[in-house]
């Protein structure tokens, strides 16, 4: 029900401006989306003067797609690897040189297949 007093008792078809679905995953699938954003953010390096750190992502699945970009750095470090470590609910990061706490920043996105 919304302003004007219209109440829908069935899913509104895509052809009529709806998604034809009762759940978000079905709606995304009906609209042709193959993935959804599961998690995203900016990670402040917390690995100290080291080349490895991790981002905790509760519920990470082995089939999730992980995308990471180095967005701020203190020196010459380059992001070499961002790996899905679903067994530990984290993204493992590796830099080419030591990161700096709170100065080195990594933007991350986790994409999940729409079921």
N, C-alpha and C. Protein backbone atom coordinates (compact mmCIF):
# COMPACT_ATOMS: atom_id res chain seq x y z
N UNK A 1 0.85 -1.18 0.00
CA UNK A 1 0.00 0.00 0.00
C UNK A 1 0.89 1.24 0.00
N UNK A 2 0.52 2.27 -0.75
CA UNK A 2 1.27 3.52 -0.75
C UNK A 2 0.31 4.67 -0.94
N UNK A 3 0.79 5.90 -0.93
CA UNK A 3 -0.05 7.09 -1.04
C UNK A 3 -1.04 6.93 -2.18
N UNK A 4 -2.28 7.23 -1.94
CA UNK A 4 -3.31 7.07 -2.95
C UNK A 4 -4.15 5.84 -2.69
N UNK A 5 -3.73 4.98 -1.78
CA UNK A 5 -4.54 3.86 -1.36
C UNK A 5 -4.48 2.64 -2.26
N UNK A 6 -3.49 2.51 -3.15
CA UNK A 6 -3.39 1.33 -4.00
C UNK A 6 -2.65 0.24 -3.23
N UNK A 7 -3.23 -0.95 -3.22
CA UNK A 7 -2.61 -2.09 -2.56
C UNK A 7 -2.40 -3.17 -3.60
N UNK A 8 -1.15 -3.68 -3.68
CA UNK A 8 -0.84 -4.75 -4.62
C UNK A 8 -0.93 -6.08 -3.90
N UNK A 9 -1.64 -7.01 -4.49
CA UNK A 9 -1.76 -8.33 -3.89
C UNK A 9 -0.90 -9.36 -4.63
N UNK A 10 -0.37 -8.97 -5.79
CA UNK A 10 0.53 -9.82 -6.58
C UNK A 10 1.75 -9.00 -6.97
N UNK A 11 2.80 -9.70 -7.40
CA UNK A 11 3.99 -9.02 -7.88
C UNK A 11 3.65 -8.25 -9.15
N UNK A 12 4.18 -7.04 -9.27
CA UNK A 12 3.94 -6.21 -10.45
C UNK A 12 4.92 -6.62 -11.54
N UNK A 13 4.41 -7.00 -12.70
CA UNK A 13 5.22 -7.49 -13.81
C UNK A 13 6.20 -6.42 -14.31
N UNK A 14 7.33 -6.87 -14.83
CA UNK A 14 8.34 -5.96 -15.40
C UNK A 14 7.70 -5.12 -16.50
N UNK A 15 6.87 -5.74 -17.31
CA UNK A 15 6.21 -5.03 -18.43
C UNK A 15 5.33 -3.88 -17.94
N UNK A 16 4.93 -3.94 -16.69
CA UNK A 16 4.08 -2.89 -16.13
C UNK A 16 4.83 -1.96 -15.17
N UNK A 17 6.18 -2.02 -15.22
CA UNK A 17 6.99 -1.12 -14.41
C UNK A 17 7.46 -1.68 -13.09
N UNK A 18 7.19 -2.95 -12.83
CA UNK A 18 7.62 -3.58 -11.59
C UNK A 18 8.82 -4.47 -11.82
N UNK A 19 9.06 -5.36 -10.88
CA UNK A 19 10.17 -6.31 -11.02
C UNK A 19 9.67 -7.74 -11.20
N UNK A 20 8.38 -7.96 -11.02
CA UNK A 20 7.83 -9.30 -11.15
C UNK A 20 8.33 -10.25 -10.08
N UNK A 21 8.69 -9.69 -8.91
CA UNK A 21 9.30 -10.52 -7.88
C UNK A 21 8.87 -10.11 -6.48
N UNK A 22 9.01 -11.08 -5.58
CA UNK A 22 8.72 -10.83 -4.16
C UNK A 22 10.00 -10.73 -3.34
N UNK A 23 11.14 -11.13 -3.91
CA UNK A 23 12.42 -11.07 -3.19
C UNK A 23 13.41 -10.23 -3.99
N UNK A 24 14.40 -9.70 -3.31
CA UNK A 24 15.39 -8.86 -3.99
C UNK A 24 16.20 -9.66 -5.01
N UNK A 25 16.61 -10.90 -4.68
CA UNK A 25 17.38 -11.70 -5.63
C UNK A 25 16.58 -12.00 -6.90
N UNK A 26 15.30 -12.34 -6.74
CA UNK A 26 14.46 -12.61 -7.91
C UNK A 26 14.26 -11.34 -8.72
N UNK A 27 14.09 -10.21 -8.05
CA UNK A 27 13.94 -8.93 -8.75
C UNK A 27 15.18 -8.63 -9.58
N UNK A 28 16.37 -8.79 -8.99
CA UNK A 28 17.61 -8.54 -9.72
C UNK A 28 17.74 -9.46 -10.93
N UNK A 29 17.42 -10.73 -10.73
CA UNK A 29 17.48 -11.70 -11.82
C UNK A 29 16.51 -11.33 -12.93
N UNK A 30 15.26 -10.97 -12.57
CA UNK A 30 14.26 -10.59 -13.57
C UNK A 30 14.67 -9.36 -14.36
N UNK A 31 15.47 -8.50 -13.74
CA UNK A 31 15.92 -7.28 -14.42
C UNK A 31 17.25 -7.48 -15.14
N UNK A 32 17.74 -8.73 -15.20
CA UNK A 32 18.93 -9.05 -15.97
C UNK A 32 20.25 -8.87 -15.23
N UNK A 33 20.20 -8.72 -13.92
CA UNK A 33 21.42 -8.56 -13.14
C UNK A 33 21.98 -9.92 -12.76
N UNK A 34 23.29 -10.13 -12.94
CA UNK A 34 23.89 -11.41 -12.59
C UNK A 34 24.56 -11.38 -11.22
N UNK A 35 24.94 -10.18 -10.74
CA UNK A 35 25.62 -10.05 -9.45
C UNK A 35 25.01 -8.90 -8.65
N UNK A 36 25.20 -8.96 -7.34
CA UNK A 36 24.79 -7.87 -6.46
C UNK A 36 25.97 -7.53 -5.55
N UNK A 37 25.99 -6.31 -5.05
CA UNK A 37 27.04 -5.90 -4.12
C UNK A 37 26.72 -6.50 -2.75
N UNK A 38 27.63 -7.31 -2.24
CA UNK A 38 27.47 -7.93 -0.93
C UNK A 38 28.11 -7.07 0.16
N UNK A 39 29.26 -6.48 -0.14
CA UNK A 39 29.97 -5.64 0.82
C UNK A 39 30.85 -4.66 0.05
N UNK A 40 31.08 -3.48 0.64
CA UNK A 40 31.95 -2.48 0.02
C UNK A 40 32.40 -1.50 1.07
N UNK A 41 33.53 -0.85 0.82
CA UNK A 41 34.00 0.16 1.75
C UNK A 41 35.43 0.58 1.47
N UNK A 42 35.95 1.39 2.38
CA UNK A 42 37.34 1.82 2.34
C UNK A 42 38.03 1.25 3.58
N UNK A 43 39.10 0.51 3.36
CA UNK A 43 39.85 -0.11 4.45
C UNK A 43 41.08 0.72 4.77
N UNK A 44 41.23 1.13 6.03
CA UNK A 44 42.45 1.78 6.50
C UNK A 44 43.46 0.70 6.85
N UNK A 45 44.62 0.78 6.26
CA UNK A 45 45.67 -0.22 6.51
C UNK A 45 45.91 -0.34 8.01
N UNK A 46 45.93 -1.58 8.50
CA UNK A 46 46.14 -1.82 9.92
C UNK A 46 47.22 -2.87 10.13
N UNK A 47 47.98 -3.15 9.08
CA UNK A 47 49.01 -4.18 9.15
C UNK A 47 50.35 -3.68 9.65
N UNK A 48 50.39 -2.41 10.08
CA UNK A 48 51.67 -1.84 10.52
C UNK A 48 52.62 -1.74 9.34
N UNK A 49 53.88 -1.67 9.64
CA UNK A 49 54.89 -1.58 8.59
C UNK A 49 55.13 -2.99 8.05
N UNK A 50 54.16 -3.47 7.29
CA UNK A 50 54.22 -4.81 6.71
C UNK A 50 53.61 -4.77 5.32
N UNK A 51 53.79 -5.84 4.57
CA UNK A 51 53.24 -5.89 3.22
C UNK A 51 51.93 -6.65 3.16
N UNK A 52 51.44 -7.17 4.30
CA UNK A 52 50.17 -7.91 4.30
C UNK A 52 49.22 -7.37 5.35
N UNK A 53 47.94 -7.46 5.05
CA UNK A 53 46.87 -7.04 5.94
C UNK A 53 45.62 -7.80 5.49
N UNK A 54 44.53 -7.67 6.22
CA UNK A 54 43.29 -8.31 5.80
C UNK A 54 42.10 -7.44 6.14
N UNK A 55 41.02 -7.66 5.40
CA UNK A 55 39.75 -6.96 5.61
C UNK A 55 38.74 -8.02 6.04
N UNK A 56 38.13 -7.83 7.20
CA UNK A 56 37.13 -8.77 7.69
C UNK A 56 35.81 -8.55 6.96
N UNK A 57 35.24 -9.63 6.40
CA UNK A 57 33.95 -9.57 5.71
C UNK A 57 33.13 -10.78 6.17
N UNK A 58 32.26 -10.57 7.14
CA UNK A 58 31.44 -11.65 7.68
C UNK A 58 30.53 -12.21 6.60
N UNK A 59 30.52 -13.53 6.47
CA UNK A 59 29.65 -14.19 5.49
C UNK A 59 30.25 -14.31 4.10
N UNK A 60 31.52 -14.00 3.94
CA UNK A 60 32.19 -14.11 2.64
C UNK A 60 32.10 -15.55 2.14
N UNK A 61 31.76 -15.72 0.86
CA UNK A 61 31.65 -17.05 0.27
C UNK A 61 32.75 -17.24 -0.76
N UNK A 62 33.16 -18.48 -0.97
CA UNK A 62 34.25 -18.79 -1.89
C UNK A 62 33.96 -18.34 -3.32
N UNK A 63 32.69 -18.27 -3.69
CA UNK A 63 32.32 -17.88 -5.06
C UNK A 63 32.18 -16.36 -5.23
N UNK A 64 32.31 -15.59 -4.14
CA UNK A 64 32.21 -14.13 -4.23
C UNK A 64 33.38 -13.57 -5.03
N UNK A 65 33.12 -12.52 -5.78
CA UNK A 65 34.14 -11.83 -6.56
C UNK A 65 34.63 -10.65 -5.73
N UNK A 66 35.94 -10.55 -5.54
CA UNK A 66 36.55 -9.49 -4.74
C UNK A 66 37.28 -8.53 -5.67
N UNK A 67 36.99 -7.23 -5.53
CA UNK A 67 37.68 -6.19 -6.30
C UNK A 67 38.28 -5.21 -5.32
N UNK A 68 39.57 -4.90 -5.45
CA UNK A 68 40.23 -3.95 -4.55
C UNK A 68 41.11 -3.00 -5.35
N UNK A 69 41.19 -1.76 -4.86
CA UNK A 69 42.01 -0.74 -5.49
C UNK A 69 42.73 0.05 -4.40
N UNK A 70 44.02 0.30 -4.58
CA UNK A 70 44.78 1.16 -3.67
C UNK A 70 44.39 2.60 -3.98
N UNK A 71 43.80 3.30 -3.00
CA UNK A 71 43.31 4.65 -3.25
C UNK A 71 44.13 5.73 -2.55
N UNK A 72 44.97 5.35 -1.60
CA UNK A 72 45.86 6.31 -0.93
C UNK A 72 47.06 5.56 -0.40
N UNK A 73 48.22 6.19 -0.49
CA UNK A 73 49.44 5.54 0.00
C UNK A 73 50.41 6.56 0.55
N UNK A 74 51.31 6.06 1.39
CA UNK A 74 52.29 6.94 2.02
C UNK A 74 53.62 6.92 1.27
N UNK A 75 53.85 5.86 0.51
CA UNK A 75 55.13 5.72 -0.18
C UNK A 75 54.94 5.16 -1.57
N UNK A 76 55.75 4.16 -1.88
CA UNK A 76 55.75 3.58 -3.23
C UNK A 76 54.95 2.29 -3.33
N UNK A 77 54.21 1.94 -2.27
CA UNK A 77 53.51 0.66 -2.28
C UNK A 77 52.48 0.56 -3.41
N UNK A 78 52.36 -0.65 -3.92
CA UNK A 78 51.40 -0.99 -4.98
C UNK A 78 50.63 -2.21 -4.51
N UNK A 79 49.32 -2.24 -4.74
CA UNK A 79 48.53 -3.41 -4.38
C UNK A 79 48.84 -4.53 -5.36
N UNK A 80 49.43 -5.60 -4.87
CA UNK A 80 49.80 -6.73 -5.73
C UNK A 80 48.75 -7.82 -5.76
N UNK A 81 48.04 -8.02 -4.63
CA UNK A 81 47.10 -9.13 -4.56
C UNK A 81 45.98 -8.81 -3.58
N UNK A 82 44.77 -9.12 -3.98
CA UNK A 82 43.60 -9.08 -3.10
C UNK A 82 42.92 -10.42 -3.30
N UNK A 83 42.94 -11.26 -2.28
CA UNK A 83 42.49 -12.64 -2.41
C UNK A 83 41.32 -12.94 -1.49
N UNK A 84 40.31 -13.61 -2.03
CA UNK A 84 39.15 -14.05 -1.26
C UNK A 84 39.58 -15.20 -0.36
N UNK A 85 39.54 -14.98 0.95
CA UNK A 85 39.84 -16.02 1.94
C UNK A 85 38.56 -16.31 2.72
N UNK A 86 37.58 -16.91 2.02
CA UNK A 86 36.25 -17.14 2.60
C UNK A 86 36.31 -18.02 3.84
N UNK A 87 37.26 -18.92 3.92
CA UNK A 87 37.39 -19.80 5.08
C UNK A 87 37.63 -19.03 6.37
N UNK A 88 38.21 -17.84 6.25
CA UNK A 88 38.48 -17.00 7.42
C UNK A 88 37.65 -15.72 7.41
N UNK A 89 36.64 -15.64 6.53
CA UNK A 89 35.78 -14.45 6.43
C UNK A 89 36.60 -13.18 6.24
N UNK A 90 37.55 -13.21 5.30
CA UNK A 90 38.37 -12.03 5.09
C UNK A 90 38.92 -11.96 3.67
N UNK A 91 39.33 -10.75 3.30
CA UNK A 91 40.05 -10.51 2.06
C UNK A 91 41.51 -10.31 2.46
N UNK A 92 42.41 -11.12 1.91
CA UNK A 92 43.83 -10.99 2.21
C UNK A 92 44.47 -10.04 1.20
N UNK A 93 45.24 -9.08 1.69
CA UNK A 93 45.87 -8.06 0.86
C UNK A 93 47.39 -8.21 0.91
N UNK A 94 48.03 -7.99 -0.24
CA UNK A 94 49.49 -7.98 -0.30
C UNK A 94 49.93 -6.76 -1.08
N UNK A 95 50.86 -5.99 -0.49
CA UNK A 95 51.43 -4.81 -1.13
C UNK A 95 52.86 -5.11 -1.58
N UNK A 96 53.36 -4.31 -2.51
CA UNK A 96 54.73 -4.47 -2.99
C UNK A 96 55.75 -3.93 -2.00
N UNK A 97 55.33 -3.03 -1.12
CA UNK A 97 56.19 -2.43 -0.09
C UNK A 97 55.34 -2.24 1.15
N UNK A 98 55.97 -1.96 2.27
CA UNK A 98 55.25 -1.81 3.52
C UNK A 98 54.17 -0.74 3.44
N UNK A 99 52.99 -1.05 4.00
CA UNK A 99 51.92 -0.07 4.11
C UNK A 99 52.14 0.78 5.35
N UNK A 100 51.34 1.84 5.50
CA UNK A 100 51.41 2.72 6.67
C UNK A 100 50.03 2.77 7.30
N UNK A 101 49.97 2.45 8.60
CA UNK A 101 48.69 2.46 9.30
C UNK A 101 47.93 3.76 9.08
N UNK A 102 46.66 3.64 8.76
CA UNK A 102 45.68 4.72 8.53
C UNK A 102 45.98 5.62 7.33
N UNK A 103 47.16 5.54 6.74
CA UNK A 103 47.48 6.35 5.56
C UNK A 103 47.25 5.56 4.28
N UNK A 104 47.67 4.30 4.27
CA UNK A 104 47.42 3.43 3.13
C UNK A 104 45.95 3.02 3.18
N UNK A 105 45.23 3.25 2.09
CA UNK A 105 43.79 2.95 2.05
C UNK A 105 43.46 2.11 0.82
N UNK A 106 42.59 1.13 1.05
CA UNK A 106 42.17 0.19 0.00
C UNK A 106 40.65 0.28 -0.14
N UNK A 107 40.17 0.58 -1.35
CA UNK A 107 38.73 0.51 -1.63
C UNK A 107 38.43 -0.93 -2.03
N UNK A 108 37.36 -1.48 -1.47
CA UNK A 108 37.02 -2.87 -1.80
C UNK A 108 35.53 -3.02 -2.10
N UNK A 109 35.24 -3.99 -2.96
CA UNK A 109 33.87 -4.37 -3.28
C UNK A 109 33.81 -5.89 -3.37
N UNK A 110 32.77 -6.47 -2.79
CA UNK A 110 32.53 -7.91 -2.89
C UNK A 110 31.23 -8.09 -3.65
N UNK A 111 31.30 -8.79 -4.79
CA UNK A 111 30.13 -9.07 -5.61
C UNK A 111 29.71 -10.52 -5.43
N UNK A 112 28.40 -10.75 -5.34
CA UNK A 112 27.86 -12.09 -5.16
C UNK A 112 26.90 -12.41 -6.28
N UNK A 113 26.97 -13.62 -6.78
CA UNK A 113 26.06 -14.07 -7.84
C UNK A 113 24.64 -14.04 -7.29
N UNK A 114 23.72 -13.50 -8.08
CA UNK A 114 22.31 -13.48 -7.71
C UNK A 114 21.80 -14.91 -7.79
N UNK A 115 21.21 -15.38 -6.69
CA UNK A 115 20.76 -16.78 -6.67
C UNK A 115 19.33 -16.91 -7.14
